[in-house]
Amino acid sequence: MTEQTRTEEFHVDGEKVVAKIKELLHEGNIRKVIIKDKDGKIMLEIPVTIGVVGALLAPQLAAVAALAALLTEATVIVEKTE
């Protein structure tokens, strides 16, 4: 059985990036999170291992929070498995 993947894209204000990522992680089936600035430049790419949530993602979320403080607008792209 092969895994199907799909991507979803969300445009959010900089201060709401961390909250959006936490919300998406709680939904599950996330393989990768990509954060782009308003010009489309990739600022951060985080591979998310299936089943790894919580304490192991804390350093990445801290990096996202620091990055979000610098962004006025961001695009969050999520790769999900079906």
N, C-alpha and C. Protein backbone atom coordinates (compact mmCIF):
# COMPACT_ATOMS: atom_id res chain seq x y z
N MET A 1 0.84 -1.18 0.00
CA MET A 1 0.00 0.00 0.00
C MET A 1 0.89 1.24 0.00
N THR A 2 0.69 2.13 -0.96
CA THR A 2 1.50 3.33 -1.05
C THR A 2 0.82 4.48 -0.33
N GLU A 3 1.67 5.36 0.23
CA GLU A 3 1.15 6.52 0.95
C GLU A 3 0.85 7.64 -0.02
N GLN A 4 -0.31 8.20 0.09
CA GLN A 4 -0.69 9.36 -0.70
C GLN A 4 -0.37 10.61 0.12
N THR A 5 0.21 11.60 -0.51
CA THR A 5 0.48 12.86 0.19
C THR A 5 -0.23 13.99 -0.52
N ARG A 6 -0.54 15.00 0.26
CA ARG A 6 -1.14 16.22 -0.30
C ARG A 6 -0.58 17.40 0.46
N THR A 7 -0.63 18.56 -0.14
CA THR A 7 -0.14 19.76 0.54
C THR A 7 -1.29 20.74 0.73
N GLU A 8 -1.20 21.47 1.81
CA GLU A 8 -2.16 22.53 2.10
C GLU A 8 -1.35 23.79 2.38
N GLU A 9 -1.89 24.92 1.99
CA GLU A 9 -1.20 26.18 2.15
C GLU A 9 -2.08 27.15 2.93
N PHE A 10 -1.50 27.80 3.93
CA PHE A 10 -2.24 28.75 4.77
C PHE A 10 -1.47 30.06 4.82
N HIS A 11 -2.17 31.17 4.65
CA HIS A 11 -1.56 32.49 4.77
C HIS A 11 -1.97 33.05 6.13
N VAL A 12 -0.97 33.37 6.95
CA VAL A 12 -1.25 33.84 8.31
C VAL A 12 -0.37 35.02 8.65
N ASP A 13 -0.81 35.80 9.64
CA ASP A 13 0.01 36.89 10.17
C ASP A 13 1.17 36.28 10.94
N GLY A 14 2.29 36.99 11.00
CA GLY A 14 3.48 36.48 11.66
C GLY A 14 3.27 35.99 13.07
N GLU A 15 2.47 36.73 13.86
CA GLU A 15 2.29 36.34 15.26
C GLU A 15 1.40 35.11 15.43
N LYS A 16 0.72 34.68 14.37
CA LYS A 16 -0.18 33.53 14.46
C LYS A 16 0.42 32.25 13.88
N VAL A 17 1.67 32.31 13.45
CA VAL A 17 2.31 31.15 12.82
C VAL A 17 2.42 29.97 13.78
N VAL A 18 2.91 30.21 14.98
CA VAL A 18 3.10 29.11 15.95
C VAL A 18 1.77 28.47 16.30
N ALA A 19 0.75 29.29 16.53
CA ALA A 19 -0.58 28.75 16.87
C ALA A 19 -1.12 27.89 15.73
N LYS A 20 -0.92 28.33 14.49
CA LYS A 20 -1.40 27.57 13.33
C LYS A 20 -0.67 26.24 13.22
N ILE A 21 0.65 26.25 13.44
CA ILE A 21 1.42 25.01 13.35
C ILE A 21 1.00 24.04 14.45
N LYS A 22 0.81 24.53 15.67
CA LYS A 22 0.35 23.66 16.76
C LYS A 22 -1.00 23.05 16.43
N GLU A 23 -1.90 23.86 15.87
CA GLU A 23 -3.23 23.37 15.48
C GLU A 23 -3.12 22.26 14.44
N LEU A 24 -2.27 22.46 13.45
CA LEU A 24 -2.10 21.47 12.39
C LEU A 24 -1.46 20.19 12.92
N LEU A 25 -0.51 20.31 13.84
CA LEU A 25 0.13 19.13 14.41
C LEU A 25 -0.87 18.29 15.20
N HIS A 26 -1.80 18.95 15.88
CA HIS A 26 -2.81 18.21 16.64
C HIS A 26 -3.78 17.46 15.73
N GLU A 27 -3.95 17.96 14.50
CA GLU A 27 -4.80 17.25 13.53
C GLU A 27 -4.15 15.94 13.09
N GLY A 28 -2.83 15.88 13.12
CA GLY A 28 -2.11 14.66 12.78
C GLY A 28 -1.81 14.52 11.31
N ASN A 29 -1.10 13.43 10.97
CA ASN A 29 -0.74 13.07 9.59
C ASN A 29 0.16 14.09 8.90
N ILE A 30 0.91 14.88 9.66
CA ILE A 30 1.81 15.88 9.08
C ILE A 30 3.16 15.24 8.83
N ARG A 31 3.68 15.42 7.64
CA ARG A 31 5.02 14.92 7.31
C ARG A 31 6.05 16.02 7.30
N LYS A 32 5.65 17.22 6.86
CA LYS A 32 6.59 18.32 6.72
C LYS A 32 5.87 19.64 6.86
N VAL A 33 6.54 20.63 7.47
CA VAL A 33 6.02 21.98 7.58
C VAL A 33 7.04 22.92 6.96
N ILE A 34 6.59 23.78 6.07
CA ILE A 34 7.45 24.76 5.41
C ILE A 34 6.88 26.14 5.70
N ILE A 35 7.75 27.06 6.09
CA ILE A 35 7.32 28.43 6.33
C ILE A 35 8.03 29.33 5.33
N LYS A 36 7.23 30.11 4.61
CA LYS A 36 7.76 31.05 3.62
C LYS A 36 7.42 32.47 4.04
N ASP A 37 8.27 33.42 3.64
CA ASP A 37 7.96 34.82 3.91
C ASP A 37 7.00 35.33 2.84
N LYS A 38 6.64 36.61 2.93
CA LYS A 38 5.64 37.15 2.00
C LYS A 38 6.11 37.19 0.56
N ASP A 39 7.44 37.07 0.34
CA ASP A 39 7.99 37.06 -1.01
C ASP A 39 8.13 35.64 -1.57
N GLY A 40 7.74 34.63 -0.77
CA GLY A 40 7.81 33.25 -1.22
C GLY A 40 9.12 32.55 -0.93
N LYS A 41 10.03 33.22 -0.21
CA LYS A 41 11.32 32.62 0.14
C LYS A 41 11.13 31.67 1.33
N ILE A 42 11.66 30.45 1.21
CA ILE A 42 11.55 29.48 2.30
C ILE A 42 12.43 29.94 3.45
N MET A 43 11.80 30.13 4.61
CA MET A 43 12.52 30.58 5.79
C MET A 43 12.87 29.41 6.71
N LEU A 44 12.02 28.39 6.74
CA LEU A 44 12.23 27.25 7.62
C LEU A 44 11.48 26.04 7.07
N GLU A 45 12.13 24.89 7.12
CA GLU A 45 11.49 23.64 6.69
C GLU A 45 11.73 22.62 7.78
N ILE A 46 10.64 22.06 8.31
CA ILE A 46 10.73 21.12 9.42
C ILE A 46 10.12 19.79 9.01
N PRO A 47 10.94 18.74 8.92
CA PRO A 47 10.36 17.41 8.71
C PRO A 47 9.78 16.92 10.03
N VAL A 48 8.58 16.38 10.00
CA VAL A 48 7.93 15.90 11.21
C VAL A 48 7.81 14.39 11.11
N THR A 49 8.51 13.69 11.99
CA THR A 49 8.46 12.24 12.01
C THR A 49 7.13 11.81 12.60
N ILE A 50 6.48 10.85 11.97
CA ILE A 50 5.19 10.37 12.44
C ILE A 50 5.34 9.87 13.87
N GLY A 51 4.47 10.32 14.73
CA GLY A 51 4.48 9.91 16.12
C GLY A 51 5.35 10.76 17.02
N VAL A 52 6.12 11.68 16.45
CA VAL A 52 6.97 12.53 17.26
C VAL A 52 6.29 13.88 17.46
N VAL A 53 5.77 14.07 18.65
CA VAL A 53 5.09 15.31 18.97
C VAL A 53 5.53 15.71 20.38
N GLY A 54 5.19 16.91 20.77
CA GLY A 54 5.46 17.32 22.14
C GLY A 54 6.88 17.78 22.36
N ALA A 55 7.56 17.18 23.34
CA ALA A 55 8.87 17.64 23.78
C ALA A 55 9.90 17.63 22.66
N LEU A 56 9.83 16.65 21.77
CA LEU A 56 10.81 16.59 20.69
C LEU A 56 10.64 17.70 19.67
N LEU A 57 9.44 18.25 19.57
CA LEU A 57 9.21 19.36 18.64
C LEU A 57 9.41 20.73 19.29
N ALA A 58 9.62 20.77 20.59
CA ALA A 58 9.77 22.04 21.30
C ALA A 58 10.88 22.92 20.72
N PRO A 59 12.08 22.39 20.42
CA PRO A 59 13.11 23.25 19.84
C PRO A 59 12.71 23.84 18.48
N GLN A 60 12.03 23.05 17.66
CA GLN A 60 11.59 23.55 16.36
C GLN A 60 10.54 24.64 16.53
N LEU A 61 9.62 24.45 17.48
CA LEU A 61 8.59 25.45 17.71
C LEU A 61 9.20 26.74 18.26
N ALA A 62 10.26 26.63 19.04
CA ALA A 62 10.96 27.82 19.54
C ALA A 62 11.59 28.58 18.37
N ALA A 63 12.15 27.83 17.42
CA ALA A 63 12.73 28.45 16.23
C ALA A 63 11.65 29.12 15.39
N VAL A 64 10.50 28.47 15.28
CA VAL A 64 9.38 29.04 14.54
C VAL A 64 8.91 30.34 15.21
N ALA A 65 8.84 30.34 16.53
CA ALA A 65 8.40 31.53 17.26
C ALA A 65 9.37 32.69 17.04
N ALA A 66 10.67 32.41 17.06
CA ALA A 66 11.67 33.45 16.82
C ALA A 66 11.56 33.98 15.39
N LEU A 67 11.36 33.09 14.45
CA LEU A 67 11.21 33.49 13.06
C LEU A 67 9.93 34.29 12.85
N ALA A 68 8.85 33.85 13.47
CA ALA A 68 7.56 34.52 13.32
C ALA A 68 7.61 35.96 13.82
N ALA A 69 8.44 36.22 14.82
CA ALA A 69 8.57 37.57 15.34
C ALA A 69 9.13 38.52 14.28
N LEU A 70 9.86 37.98 13.31
CA LEU A 70 10.45 38.80 12.26
C LEU A 70 9.53 38.96 11.05
N LEU A 71 8.53 38.12 10.93
CA LEU A 71 7.66 38.14 9.76
C LEU A 71 6.37 38.89 10.03
N THR A 72 5.94 39.68 9.06
CA THR A 72 4.63 40.32 9.18
C THR A 72 3.56 39.42 8.57
N GLU A 73 3.93 38.74 7.50
CA GLU A 73 3.03 37.79 6.85
C GLU A 73 3.83 36.53 6.55
N ALA A 74 3.17 35.40 6.62
CA ALA A 74 3.85 34.15 6.33
C ALA A 74 2.90 33.19 5.63
N THR A 75 3.47 32.27 4.91
CA THR A 75 2.73 31.18 4.31
C THR A 75 3.21 29.90 4.96
N VAL A 76 2.28 29.13 5.50
CA VAL A 76 2.61 27.85 6.10
C VAL A 76 2.13 26.78 5.14
N ILE A 77 3.05 25.95 4.69
CA ILE A 77 2.73 24.86 3.77
C ILE A 77 2.92 23.56 4.53
N VAL A 78 1.92 22.70 4.50
CA VAL A 78 1.97 21.46 5.23
C VAL A 78 1.82 20.30 4.27
N GLU A 79 2.68 19.32 4.41
CA GLU A 79 2.56 18.09 3.63
C GLU A 79 1.96 17.04 4.54
N LYS A 80 0.82 16.49 4.12
CA LYS A 80 0.09 15.52 4.92
C LYS A 80 0.03 14.19 4.20
N THR A 81 -0.08 13.13 5.00
CA THR A 81 -0.31 11.80 4.42
C THR A 81 -1.79 11.48 4.49
N GLU A 82 -2.24 10.76 3.52
CA GLU A 82 -3.66 10.37 3.46
C GLU A 82 -3.86 9.03 4.11
